[in-house]
N, C-alpha and C. Protein backbone atom coordinates (compact mmCIF):
# COMPACT_ATOMS: atom_id res chain seq x y z
N MET A 1 -21.82 14.34 -6.98
CA MET A 1 -22.16 15.00 -5.75
C MET A 1 -22.36 16.49 -6.04
N PRO A 2 -23.33 17.06 -5.41
CA PRO A 2 -23.54 18.49 -5.61
C PRO A 2 -22.43 19.32 -4.96
N ARG A 3 -22.19 20.49 -5.49
CA ARG A 3 -21.18 21.38 -4.96
C ARG A 3 -21.51 21.78 -3.53
N GLY A 4 -20.52 21.78 -2.65
CA GLY A 4 -20.72 22.16 -1.26
C GLY A 4 -21.29 21.06 -0.38
N ALA A 5 -21.48 19.87 -0.91
CA ALA A 5 -22.01 18.77 -0.12
C ALA A 5 -20.97 18.32 0.91
N VAL A 6 -21.42 18.01 2.11
CA VAL A 6 -20.52 17.59 3.17
C VAL A 6 -20.37 16.08 3.20
N ALA A 7 -21.37 15.38 2.77
CA ALA A 7 -21.33 13.92 2.75
C ALA A 7 -22.07 13.42 1.53
N CYS A 8 -21.84 12.19 1.19
CA CYS A 8 -22.48 11.58 0.02
C CYS A 8 -23.91 11.18 0.37
N ASP A 9 -24.87 11.71 -0.39
CA ASP A 9 -26.27 11.37 -0.16
C ASP A 9 -26.57 9.94 -0.58
N ASP A 10 -25.80 9.43 -1.54
CA ASP A 10 -26.06 8.09 -2.06
C ASP A 10 -25.74 7.01 -1.04
N CYS A 11 -24.55 7.09 -0.43
CA CYS A 11 -24.17 6.04 0.51
C CYS A 11 -24.54 6.39 1.94
N GLY A 12 -24.76 7.65 2.25
CA GLY A 12 -25.17 8.05 3.58
C GLY A 12 -24.05 8.09 4.60
N ALA A 13 -22.80 8.28 4.13
CA ALA A 13 -21.66 8.31 5.04
C ALA A 13 -21.72 9.55 5.93
N CYS A 14 -21.18 9.43 7.13
CA CYS A 14 -21.14 10.51 8.10
C CYS A 14 -20.20 11.60 7.61
N ALA A 15 -20.59 12.86 7.75
CA ALA A 15 -19.77 13.97 7.29
C ALA A 15 -18.50 14.12 8.12
N LYS A 16 -18.52 13.72 9.39
CA LYS A 16 -17.34 13.89 10.25
C LYS A 16 -16.34 12.75 10.09
N SER A 17 -16.82 11.52 10.09
CA SER A 17 -15.90 10.39 10.07
C SER A 17 -15.73 9.77 8.68
N GLY A 18 -16.70 9.95 7.82
CA GLY A 18 -16.64 9.32 6.50
C GLY A 18 -17.18 7.91 6.49
N TRP A 19 -17.57 7.39 7.65
CA TRP A 19 -18.08 6.03 7.76
C TRP A 19 -19.59 6.05 7.91
N LYS A 20 -20.19 4.99 7.49
CA LYS A 20 -21.62 4.82 7.63
C LYS A 20 -21.87 3.73 8.66
N GLU A 21 -22.73 4.03 9.61
CA GLU A 21 -23.00 3.06 10.68
C GLU A 21 -23.72 1.82 10.15
N ASN A 22 -24.74 2.00 9.36
CA ASN A 22 -25.54 0.88 8.84
C ASN A 22 -25.08 0.56 7.42
N ARG A 23 -23.90 0.03 7.29
CA ARG A 23 -23.39 -0.26 5.95
C ARG A 23 -23.98 -1.56 5.42
N GLU A 24 -24.07 -1.64 4.10
CA GLU A 24 -24.62 -2.85 3.48
C GLU A 24 -23.56 -3.93 3.46
N VAL A 25 -24.00 -5.16 3.39
CA VAL A 25 -23.09 -6.30 3.26
C VAL A 25 -22.85 -6.53 1.78
N TYR A 26 -21.60 -6.65 1.41
CA TYR A 26 -21.24 -6.80 0.00
C TYR A 26 -21.08 -8.27 -0.36
N ASP A 27 -22.13 -9.05 -0.22
CA ASP A 27 -22.07 -10.48 -0.52
C ASP A 27 -22.01 -10.74 -2.02
N GLY A 28 -22.59 -9.91 -2.82
CA GLY A 28 -22.66 -10.17 -4.25
C GLY A 28 -21.40 -9.85 -5.01
N LEU A 29 -20.36 -9.35 -4.35
CA LEU A 29 -19.15 -8.95 -5.06
C LEU A 29 -18.15 -10.09 -5.21
N ASP A 30 -18.35 -11.21 -4.55
CA ASP A 30 -17.47 -12.37 -4.63
C ASP A 30 -16.04 -12.01 -4.23
N LEU A 31 -15.89 -11.25 -3.13
CA LEU A 31 -14.58 -10.90 -2.62
C LEU A 31 -14.03 -12.05 -1.79
N PRO A 32 -12.71 -12.33 -1.90
CA PRO A 32 -12.15 -13.44 -1.12
C PRO A 32 -12.03 -13.08 0.35
N ASP A 33 -12.22 -14.08 1.21
CA ASP A 33 -11.99 -13.89 2.63
C ASP A 33 -10.49 -13.85 2.88
N ASP A 34 -10.07 -13.13 3.91
CA ASP A 34 -8.65 -13.06 4.22
C ASP A 34 -8.08 -14.41 4.62
N ASP A 35 -8.88 -15.23 5.28
CA ASP A 35 -8.41 -16.54 5.73
C ASP A 35 -8.23 -17.51 4.58
N ASP A 36 -9.02 -17.35 3.52
CA ASP A 36 -8.99 -18.28 2.40
C ASP A 36 -8.00 -17.87 1.32
N PHE A 37 -7.39 -16.70 1.43
CA PHE A 37 -6.52 -16.19 0.37
C PHE A 37 -5.14 -16.83 0.43
N ASP A 38 -4.71 -17.43 -0.68
CA ASP A 38 -3.40 -18.05 -0.79
C ASP A 38 -2.58 -17.23 -1.77
N TYR A 39 -1.63 -16.45 -1.24
CA TYR A 39 -0.86 -15.53 -2.07
C TYR A 39 -0.04 -16.28 -3.12
N ASP A 40 0.62 -17.38 -2.75
CA ASP A 40 1.45 -18.12 -3.70
C ASP A 40 0.62 -18.67 -4.85
N GLU A 41 -0.57 -19.16 -4.54
CA GLU A 41 -1.45 -19.68 -5.59
C GLU A 41 -1.91 -18.54 -6.51
N PHE A 42 -2.20 -17.39 -5.92
CA PHE A 42 -2.62 -16.23 -6.71
C PHE A 42 -1.52 -15.80 -7.67
N VAL A 43 -0.28 -15.70 -7.19
CA VAL A 43 0.84 -15.29 -8.05
C VAL A 43 1.06 -16.31 -9.15
N SER A 44 0.97 -17.58 -8.81
CA SER A 44 1.14 -18.63 -9.82
C SER A 44 0.04 -18.55 -10.88
N ARG A 45 -1.19 -18.32 -10.45
CA ARG A 45 -2.30 -18.23 -11.39
C ARG A 45 -2.21 -16.98 -12.27
N GLU A 46 -1.83 -15.86 -11.69
CA GLU A 46 -1.79 -14.61 -12.44
C GLU A 46 -0.58 -14.49 -13.35
N PHE A 47 0.58 -14.93 -12.88
CA PHE A 47 1.81 -14.71 -13.63
C PHE A 47 2.41 -16.00 -14.19
N GLY A 48 1.82 -17.12 -13.91
CA GLY A 48 2.33 -18.39 -14.39
C GLY A 48 3.47 -18.88 -13.52
N ALA A 49 3.75 -20.14 -13.63
CA ALA A 49 4.83 -20.73 -12.85
C ALA A 49 6.16 -20.28 -13.42
N ALA A 50 7.16 -20.20 -12.59
CA ALA A 50 8.49 -19.81 -13.04
C ALA A 50 9.04 -20.89 -13.96
N LYS A 51 9.52 -20.47 -15.10
CA LYS A 51 10.07 -21.41 -16.06
C LYS A 51 11.51 -21.74 -15.67
N PRO A 52 11.89 -23.00 -15.78
CA PRO A 52 13.27 -23.35 -15.47
C PRO A 52 14.22 -22.70 -16.47
N ARG A 53 15.33 -22.20 -15.96
CA ARG A 53 16.31 -21.54 -16.82
C ARG A 53 17.16 -22.58 -17.51
N ARG A 54 17.48 -22.31 -18.75
CA ARG A 54 18.35 -23.21 -19.50
C ARG A 54 19.79 -22.77 -19.31
N GLY A 55 20.70 -23.71 -19.46
CA GLY A 55 22.12 -23.39 -19.37
C GLY A 55 22.62 -23.36 -17.94
N MET A 56 23.80 -22.75 -17.80
CA MET A 56 24.47 -22.69 -16.50
C MET A 56 23.80 -21.69 -15.58
N ASN A 57 23.80 -22.00 -14.32
CA ASN A 57 23.36 -21.00 -13.36
C ASN A 57 24.53 -20.08 -13.03
N ARG A 58 24.25 -19.00 -12.34
CA ARG A 58 25.30 -18.00 -12.08
C ARG A 58 26.43 -18.54 -11.21
N GLU A 59 26.08 -19.30 -10.21
CA GLU A 59 27.13 -19.81 -9.31
C GLU A 59 28.12 -20.69 -10.05
N LEU A 60 27.62 -21.57 -10.90
CA LEU A 60 28.50 -22.44 -11.67
C LEU A 60 29.34 -21.62 -12.65
N PHE A 61 28.75 -20.62 -13.26
CA PHE A 61 29.46 -19.75 -14.19
C PHE A 61 30.63 -19.07 -13.49
N TRP A 62 30.41 -18.47 -12.31
CA TRP A 62 31.47 -17.76 -11.61
C TRP A 62 32.54 -18.71 -11.06
N ARG A 63 32.15 -19.93 -10.75
CA ARG A 63 33.16 -20.91 -10.35
C ARG A 63 34.10 -21.24 -11.50
N TRP A 64 33.53 -21.39 -12.70
CA TRP A 64 34.36 -21.63 -13.88
C TRP A 64 35.26 -20.45 -14.18
N VAL A 65 34.74 -19.24 -14.04
CA VAL A 65 35.55 -18.05 -14.28
C VAL A 65 36.71 -18.01 -13.29
N ALA A 66 36.43 -18.27 -12.02
CA ALA A 66 37.48 -18.25 -11.00
C ALA A 66 38.53 -19.32 -11.27
N ALA A 67 38.11 -20.50 -11.69
CA ALA A 67 39.06 -21.57 -11.99
C ALA A 67 39.94 -21.21 -13.18
N ILE A 68 39.38 -20.61 -14.20
CA ILE A 68 40.15 -20.23 -15.38
C ILE A 68 41.14 -19.12 -15.03
N VAL A 69 40.70 -18.12 -14.27
CA VAL A 69 41.60 -17.03 -13.88
C VAL A 69 42.74 -17.57 -13.03
N LEU A 70 42.45 -18.47 -12.11
CA LEU A 70 43.48 -19.06 -11.27
C LEU A 70 44.46 -19.87 -12.12
N ALA A 71 43.96 -20.62 -13.07
CA ALA A 71 44.83 -21.42 -13.94
C ALA A 71 45.73 -20.52 -14.78
N VAL A 72 45.20 -19.41 -15.29
CA VAL A 72 46.01 -18.48 -16.08
C VAL A 72 47.09 -17.83 -15.21
N MET A 73 46.76 -17.50 -13.97
CA MET A 73 47.75 -16.91 -13.07
C MET A 73 48.86 -17.89 -12.73
N VAL A 74 48.50 -19.13 -12.45
CA VAL A 74 49.52 -20.17 -12.15
C VAL A 74 50.37 -20.42 -13.38
N LEU A 75 49.80 -20.51 -14.55
CA LEU A 75 50.53 -20.73 -15.79
C LEU A 75 51.47 -19.55 -16.07
N GLY A 76 50.99 -18.33 -15.83
CA GLY A 76 51.83 -17.15 -16.02
C GLY A 76 53.02 -17.15 -15.07
N TYR A 77 52.79 -17.56 -13.83
CA TYR A 77 53.88 -17.63 -12.84
C TYR A 77 54.92 -18.66 -13.25
N LEU A 78 54.43 -19.83 -13.69
CA LEU A 78 55.35 -20.89 -14.10
C LEU A 78 56.17 -20.49 -15.33
N VAL A 79 55.56 -19.81 -16.29
CA VAL A 79 56.27 -19.39 -17.50
C VAL A 79 57.30 -18.33 -17.13
N ALA A 80 56.95 -17.41 -16.24
CA ALA A 80 57.88 -16.35 -15.85
C ALA A 80 59.03 -16.89 -15.00
N ALA A 81 58.81 -17.96 -14.26
CA ALA A 81 59.84 -18.53 -13.40
C ALA A 81 60.90 -19.26 -14.21
N PHE A 82 60.55 -19.79 -15.35
CA PHE A 82 61.52 -20.55 -16.15
C PHE A 82 61.97 -19.73 -17.27
């Protein structure tokens, strides 16, 4: 754009609003319609499906930790009582 230009001569946008009244239709760009767009399918295609985790999940891990801590506390109480 030339220096001091108020609007783009190439696209013909209005200097006040920035919009062009007679805009071209962008059919050749292959843009998806908003109604046809499936976000979950897009994420799966772009990033791949989530891989199943191996081993214990966090909830099971913390349950085992709680059970072991409780068992150690009960065992400590019983040893100290006798």
